[in-house]
């Protein structure tokens, strides 16, 4: 999942969670407040997981990528020349 999807899920969970929190505050029910807070927390944790843990931290340098591509192209050309 991309960061955009995680961010949109965070916004959605904040909206739904805030509805529960407001409903719990108006009706003086602690259960709705806790459910709303849990929904908001799940959205925040989801976003943090996507940004910190799941997304790869290593992003290759463009120079390294070009060198690797050149090496593989040279190997393929050598194999074709041997045939």
Protein backbone atom coordinates (compact mmCIF):
# COMPACT_ATOMS: atom_id res chain seq x y z
CA UNK A 1 0.00 0.00 0.00
CA UNK A 2 1.24 3.45 -0.84
CA UNK A 3 1.57 6.37 1.55
CA UNK A 4 -1.32 8.15 -0.19
CA UNK A 5 -3.66 5.28 0.60
CA UNK A 6 -2.48 5.20 4.20
CA UNK A 7 -3.01 8.96 4.48
CA UNK A 8 -6.53 8.70 3.05
CA UNK A 9 -7.31 5.88 5.48
CA UNK A 10 -6.04 8.10 8.30
CA UNK A 11 -8.35 10.92 7.23
CA UNK A 12 -11.27 8.49 6.93
CA UNK A 13 -10.59 7.01 10.37
CA UNK A 14 -10.31 10.49 11.90
CA UNK A 15 -13.67 11.45 10.41
CA UNK A 16 -15.43 8.27 11.54
CA UNK A 17 -13.71 8.32 14.95
CA UNK A 18 -14.63 11.94 15.54
CA UNK A 19 -18.27 11.14 14.76
CA UNK A 20 -18.19 8.45 17.46
CA UNK A 21 -16.44 10.76 19.94
CA UNK A 22 -18.96 13.56 19.33
CA UNK A 23 -21.88 11.12 19.63
CA UNK A 24 -20.43 9.77 22.87
CA UNK A 25 -19.91 13.26 24.26
CA UNK A 26 -23.43 14.39 23.38
CA UNK A 27 -25.12 11.25 24.70
CA UNK A 28 -22.73 11.00 27.69
CA UNK A 29 -21.71 7.45 26.77
CA UNK A 30 -18.11 6.47 27.41
CA UNK A 31 -18.33 3.47 25.10
CA UNK A 32 -18.75 5.62 21.99
CA UNK A 33 -15.87 7.85 23.05
CA UNK A 34 -13.56 4.85 23.48
CA UNK A 35 -14.64 3.33 20.15
CA UNK A 36 -13.95 6.63 18.40
CA UNK A 37 -10.53 6.95 20.00
CA UNK A 38 -9.64 3.37 19.03
CA UNK A 39 -10.67 4.02 15.42
CA UNK A 40 -8.51 7.15 15.29
CA UNK A 41 -5.58 5.27 16.88
CA UNK A 42 -5.86 2.47 14.30
CA UNK A 43 -5.65 5.04 11.51
CA UNK A 44 -2.57 6.69 13.05
CA UNK A 45 -0.85 3.34 13.63
CA UNK A 46 -1.62 2.29 10.05
CA UNK A 47 -0.01 5.45 8.70
CA UNK A 48 3.06 5.04 10.92
CA UNK A 49 3.46 1.42 9.85
CA UNK A 50 3.35 2.37 6.20
CA UNK A 51 5.81 5.23 6.59
CA UNK A 52 8.33 3.66 8.96
CA UNK A 53 8.24 -0.12 8.84
CA UNK A 54 6.64 -1.35 5.63
CA UNK A 55 8.06 1.15 3.14
CA UNK A 56 11.63 0.21 2.20
CA UNK A 57 14.21 2.52 3.71
CA UNK A 58 16.78 1.81 1.01
CA UNK A 59 16.28 3.85 -2.11
CA UNK A 60 19.03 3.21 -4.62
CA UNK A 61 21.14 6.02 -5.94
CA UNK A 62 20.65 6.71 -9.65
CA UNK A 63 24.40 6.32 -10.28
CA UNK A 64 24.36 2.87 -8.69
CA UNK A 65 21.38 1.86 -10.81
CA UNK A 66 23.11 3.02 -13.99
CA UNK A 67 26.27 1.10 -13.12
CA UNK A 68 24.29 -2.07 -12.49
CA UNK A 69 22.42 -1.66 -15.77
CA UNK A 70 25.67 -1.15 -17.64
CA UNK A 71 27.14 -4.30 -16.08
CA UNK A 72 24.15 -6.42 -17.06
CA UNK A 73 24.13 -5.01 -20.59
CA UNK A 74 27.85 -5.77 -20.96
CA UNK A 75 27.30 -9.34 -19.73
CA UNK A 76 24.48 -9.88 -22.20
CA UNK A 77 26.55 -8.48 -25.05
CA UNK A 78 29.45 -10.79 -24.13
CA UNK A 79 27.12 -13.80 -24.12
CA UNK A 80 25.76 -12.86 -27.54
CA UNK A 81 29.30 -12.34 -28.88
CA UNK A 82 30.33 -15.83 -27.71
CA UNK A 83 27.48 -17.43 -29.66
